[in-house]
């Protein structure tokens, strides 16, 4: 298993230096870059699910990209609390509850009266 992994990684090792300290720095920068890309994609996906406002979307994405860690934390504090799907579900539930309140409740004896009328 290890020789196969070494064979796969060997062409990519040309990009890294032979000095262990510099290689650690290069790998650290690579990790930080991957983290920034992840946070930007996360914020993009999340704001698309939570808002239809283009300025809010653009501002959130630029905040996360411009200030990688701090911007992401600020976004988490400022983002809308519910997704659009949750808002629509709550709205439908409220509509159904309002409909149920408007319709009269059947009484116990009403079913027997309806049977007798038939």
Protein backbone atom coordinates (compact mmCIF):
# COMPACT_ATOMS: atom_id res chain seq x y z
CA UNK A 1 0.00 0.00 0.00
CA UNK A 2 2.76 2.46 0.94
CA UNK A 3 4.78 1.98 -2.29
CA UNK A 4 1.65 2.61 -4.36
CA UNK A 5 0.98 5.79 -2.40
CA UNK A 6 4.58 6.93 -2.84
CA UNK A 7 4.37 6.22 -6.55
CA UNK A 8 1.19 8.31 -6.78
CA UNK A 9 2.56 11.22 -4.70
CA UNK A 10 6.02 11.36 -6.31
CA UNK A 11 5.13 13.63 -9.27
CA UNK A 12 3.42 16.08 -6.91
CA UNK A 13 6.43 16.23 -4.58
CA UNK A 14 8.30 18.25 -7.24
CA UNK A 15 6.14 21.21 -6.23
CA UNK A 16 7.35 21.00 -2.63
CA UNK A 17 10.81 21.95 -1.41
CA UNK A 18 13.29 19.52 0.11
CA UNK A 19 13.70 21.62 3.26
CA UNK A 20 11.35 20.20 5.96
CA UNK A 21 10.57 23.62 7.45
CA UNK A 22 9.65 25.15 4.12
CA UNK A 23 7.67 22.04 3.19
CA UNK A 24 5.68 22.37 6.43
CA UNK A 25 5.00 26.03 5.57
CA UNK A 26 3.92 25.08 2.06
CA UNK A 27 1.56 22.42 3.38
CA UNK A 28 0.21 24.87 5.97
CA UNK A 29 -0.50 27.44 3.26
CA UNK A 30 -2.18 24.74 1.18
CA UNK A 31 -4.35 23.81 4.15
CA UNK A 32 -5.25 27.46 4.79
CA UNK A 33 -6.14 27.92 1.13
CA UNK A 34 -8.36 24.84 1.20
CA UNK A 35 -10.05 26.17 4.35
CA UNK A 36 -10.73 29.54 2.71
CA UNK A 37 -12.21 27.85 -0.37
CA UNK A 38 -14.37 25.65 1.86
CA UNK A 39 -15.70 28.62 3.86
CA UNK A 40 -16.51 30.58 0.70
CA UNK A 41 -18.40 27.61 -0.76
CA UNK A 42 -20.19 27.03 2.55
CA UNK A 43 -21.25 30.67 2.81
CA UNK A 44 -22.37 30.72 -0.83
CA UNK A 45 -24.51 27.60 -0.40
CA UNK A 46 -25.91 28.79 2.91
CA UNK A 47 -26.85 32.31 1.80
CA UNK A 48 -28.51 30.95 -1.35
CA UNK A 49 -30.72 28.82 0.91
CA UNK A 50 -31.51 31.69 3.29
CA UNK A 51 -32.08 34.79 1.15
CA UNK A 52 -33.24 36.01 -2.26
CA UNK A 53 -31.53 39.38 -1.86
CA UNK A 54 -28.63 39.76 -4.30
CA UNK A 55 -26.83 42.44 -2.22
CA UNK A 56 -27.00 40.18 0.84
CA UNK A 57 -25.61 37.28 -1.18
CA UNK A 58 -22.80 39.32 -2.69
CA UNK A 59 -21.91 40.95 0.63
CA UNK A 60 -21.80 37.61 2.45
CA UNK A 61 -19.61 35.96 -0.16
CA UNK A 62 -17.22 38.92 -0.30
CA UNK A 63 -17.07 39.06 3.50
CA UNK A 64 -16.13 35.38 3.72
CA UNK A 65 -13.59 35.68 0.88
CA UNK A 66 -12.05 38.97 2.01
CA UNK A 67 -11.71 38.17 5.70
CA UNK A 68 -11.49 34.37 5.70
CA UNK A 69 -11.89 33.39 9.35
CA UNK A 70 -13.27 36.59 10.86
CA UNK A 71 -15.61 37.12 7.90
CA UNK A 72 -16.99 33.62 8.25
CA UNK A 73 -17.67 34.14 11.96
CA UNK A 74 -19.31 37.51 11.27
CA UNK A 75 -21.46 35.86 8.61
CA UNK A 76 -22.58 33.22 11.10
CA UNK A 77 -23.67 36.00 13.47
CA UNK A 78 -25.49 38.06 10.83
CA UNK A 79 -27.08 35.43 8.61
CA UNK A 80 -30.87 34.98 8.53
CA UNK A 81 -32.01 32.58 11.21
CA UNK A 82 -34.18 30.39 8.97
CA UNK A 83 -33.91 29.08 5.44
CA UNK A 84 -36.43 29.99 2.78
CA UNK A 85 -37.91 26.48 2.96
CA UNK A 86 -38.41 26.82 6.72
CA UNK A 87 -40.09 30.21 6.24
CA UNK A 88 -42.43 28.78 3.58
CA UNK A 89 -43.27 25.80 5.79
CA UNK A 90 -44.07 28.09 8.73
CA UNK A 91 -46.24 30.24 6.47
CA UNK A 92 -48.18 27.19 5.22
CA UNK A 93 -48.68 25.93 8.78
CA UNK A 94 -50.00 29.34 9.83
CA UNK A 95 -52.40 29.35 6.86
CA UNK A 96 -53.65 25.88 7.76
CA UNK A 97 -54.14 26.85 11.40
CA UNK A 98 -56.08 29.95 10.35
CA UNK A 99 -58.28 27.79 8.12
CA UNK A 100 -58.92 25.34 10.94
CA UNK A 101 -59.92 28.14 13.28
CA UNK A 102 -62.46 29.48 10.75
CA UNK A 103 -64.26 26.16 10.15
CA UNK A 104 -66.84 25.22 12.78
CA UNK A 105 -66.04 22.20 14.90
CA UNK A 106 -68.48 19.28 14.55
CA UNK A 107 -70.47 18.51 17.68
CA UNK A 108 -70.97 15.06 19.15
CA UNK A 109 -74.63 14.72 18.13
CA UNK A 110 -74.17 16.10 14.59
CA UNK A 111 -73.06 12.78 13.11
CA UNK A 112 -76.15 10.99 14.43
CA UNK A 113 -78.44 13.74 13.06
CA UNK A 114 -76.79 13.49 9.62
CA UNK A 115 -77.33 9.69 9.58
CA UNK A 116 -80.99 10.10 10.53
CA UNK A 117 -81.51 12.72 7.82
CA UNK A 118 -80.28 10.28 5.15
